[in-house]
Amino acid sequence: MRYIGVQWHHNCPDDPIEMWSEIDDAGWEQRKVEVYADGRRDYADRTEQTGSTELGLSPIPSLVEIAADPQFTPREISREEFETSWKRARQSERLTMRCSEPGGGVVVAIVASRAPGR
């Protein structure tokens, strides 16, 4: 297995700004984490996915090939770095509520999080 992290330089809030992948020897993603500018994390593996995150439909190119596109900054990461990101993504499903306050203010509160292993 090899592990990569890719920064995606763009201004679209609906797309991730970081992508972390666990890749097998044939170049196929086995697990992926996508991190968004608002802190949200989605993930995918062979049996489960959250948000719009999916495993790639073709083998992942080399870091040199990815870096040829200036909107991407790839790097090799350690297994430990990937596992930390994977665990955070699996524990971070959040439900956000917005409530209006008297005087027109808005309060945003995190009201639930997913238990590990769910």
Protein backbone atom coordinates (compact mmCIF):
# COMPACT_ATOMS: atom_id res chain seq x y z
CA MET A 1 0.00 0.00 0.00
CA ARG A 2 0.97 3.58 -0.54
CA TYR A 3 -0.65 6.69 0.85
CA ILE A 4 -1.02 10.15 -0.67
CA GLY A 5 -2.46 13.49 0.32
CA VAL A 6 -3.48 16.00 -2.33
CA GLN A 7 -4.33 19.65 -1.79
CA TRP A 8 -6.81 20.98 -4.34
CA HIS A 9 -6.49 24.75 -4.86
CA HIS A 10 -9.89 26.19 -5.78
CA ASN A 11 -12.69 28.41 -4.46
CA CYS A 12 -15.69 26.08 -4.71
CA PRO A 13 -17.13 25.26 -1.24
CA ASP A 14 -18.85 22.14 -2.59
CA ASP A 15 -15.55 20.46 -3.50
CA PRO A 16 -12.91 19.14 -1.11
CA ILE A 17 -9.70 21.06 -0.50
CA GLU A 18 -7.77 17.93 0.58
CA MET A 19 -8.01 14.33 -0.54
CA TRP A 20 -6.25 11.49 1.29
CA SER A 21 -6.01 8.07 -0.37
CA GLU A 22 -4.88 4.57 0.52
CA ILE A 23 -3.76 2.97 -2.75
CA ASP A 24 -2.99 -0.69 -3.46
CA ASP A 25 -0.01 -1.95 -5.47
CA ALA A 26 -2.03 -1.85 -8.71
CA GLY A 27 -2.89 1.84 -8.17
CA TRP A 28 -6.51 1.45 -7.04
CA GLU A 29 -7.92 3.42 -4.13
CA GLN A 30 -8.94 1.25 -1.20
CA ARG A 31 -10.00 4.05 1.13
CA LYS A 32 -10.37 7.81 0.68
CA VAL A 33 -10.99 10.84 2.89
CA GLU A 34 -12.08 14.20 1.53
CA VAL A 35 -11.75 17.35 3.67
CA TYR A 36 -13.75 20.49 2.92
CA ALA A 37 -12.97 24.13 3.72
CA ASP A 38 -15.73 24.18 6.37
CA GLY A 39 -14.04 21.31 8.24
CA ARG A 40 -16.44 18.62 7.06
CA ARG A 41 -14.91 15.23 6.24
CA ASP A 42 -16.40 12.54 4.03
CA TYR A 43 -14.97 9.11 3.34
CA ALA A 44 -15.32 6.03 1.18
CA ASP A 45 -14.07 2.45 1.15
CA ARG A 46 -15.21 -0.68 -0.69
CA THR A 47 -18.35 -1.06 1.45
CA GLU A 48 -19.31 2.40 2.72
CA GLN A 49 -19.30 6.05 1.69
CA THR A 50 -20.48 9.39 3.04
CA GLY A 51 -21.46 12.53 1.18
CA SER A 52 -20.44 12.44 -2.46
CA THR A 53 -17.07 10.79 -1.78
CA GLU A 54 -16.40 7.71 -3.90
CA LEU A 55 -13.36 5.61 -4.70
CA GLY A 56 -11.73 6.36 -8.05
CA LEU A 57 -13.00 4.60 -11.18
CA SER A 58 -9.48 4.19 -12.55
CA PRO A 59 -6.01 3.71 -11.05
CA ILE A 60 -4.53 6.77 -9.35
CA PRO A 61 -1.74 8.43 -11.37
CA SER A 62 1.75 9.01 -10.00
CA LEU A 63 2.52 12.05 -7.85
CA VAL A 64 4.45 13.53 -10.80
CA GLU A 65 1.40 13.19 -13.06
CA ILE A 66 -0.90 14.72 -10.43
CA ALA A 67 1.53 17.61 -9.81
CA ALA A 68 1.56 18.42 -13.55
CA ASP A 69 -1.84 20.07 -12.99
CA PRO A 70 -1.17 23.32 -11.05
CA GLN A 71 -4.46 23.12 -9.16
CA PHE A 72 -3.15 20.05 -7.26
CA THR A 73 -0.30 19.72 -4.76
CA PRO A 74 0.26 16.02 -4.01
CA ARG A 75 2.56 14.44 -1.45
CA GLU A 76 3.30 11.02 -0.10
CA ILE A 77 2.02 10.56 3.45
CA SER A 78 2.60 7.88 6.06
CA ARG A 79 0.15 5.15 6.91
CA GLU A 80 -0.17 6.73 10.35
CA GLU A 81 -1.15 10.10 8.84
CA PHE A 82 -3.79 8.39 6.70
CA GLU A 83 -5.16 6.35 9.63
CA THR A 84 -5.48 9.50 11.75
CA SER A 85 -7.43 11.25 8.99
CA TRP A 86 -9.56 8.11 8.41
CA LYS A 87 -10.49 7.86 12.09
CA ARG A 88 -11.34 11.56 12.27
CA ALA A 89 -13.58 11.27 9.20
CA ARG A 90 -15.42 8.24 10.58
CA GLN A 91 -16.04 10.02 13.88
CA SER A 92 -16.98 13.42 12.51
CA GLU A 93 -20.43 13.14 10.99
CA ARG A 94 -22.02 16.25 12.38
CA LEU A 95 -25.53 17.58 12.51
CA THR A 96 -25.71 21.36 12.60
CA MET A 97 -28.72 23.39 13.74
CA ARG A 98 -29.29 27.07 13.08
CA CYS A 99 -31.43 29.05 15.50
CA SER A 100 -32.43 32.71 15.26
CA GLU A 101 -31.78 34.80 18.34
CA PRO A 102 -33.79 37.82 19.42
CA GLY A 103 -32.33 40.84 17.67
CA GLY A 104 -31.62 38.98 14.43
CA GLY A 105 -28.49 37.03 15.37
CA VAL A 106 -27.93 33.41 14.39
CA VAL A 107 -26.54 30.68 16.63
CA VAL A 108 -24.98 27.60 15.06
CA ALA A 109 -24.54 24.56 17.28
CA ILE A 110 -23.16 21.10 16.79
CA VAL A 111 -25.82 18.86 18.30
CA ALA A 112 -24.74 15.33 17.45
CA SER A 113 -21.79 13.30 16.32
CA ARG A 114 -21.50 9.75 15.10
CA ALA A 115 -20.14 7.16 17.46
CA PRO A 116 -16.96 5.38 16.28
CA GLY A 117 -17.60 2.23 14.29
CA ARG A 118 -21.05 3.22 13.04
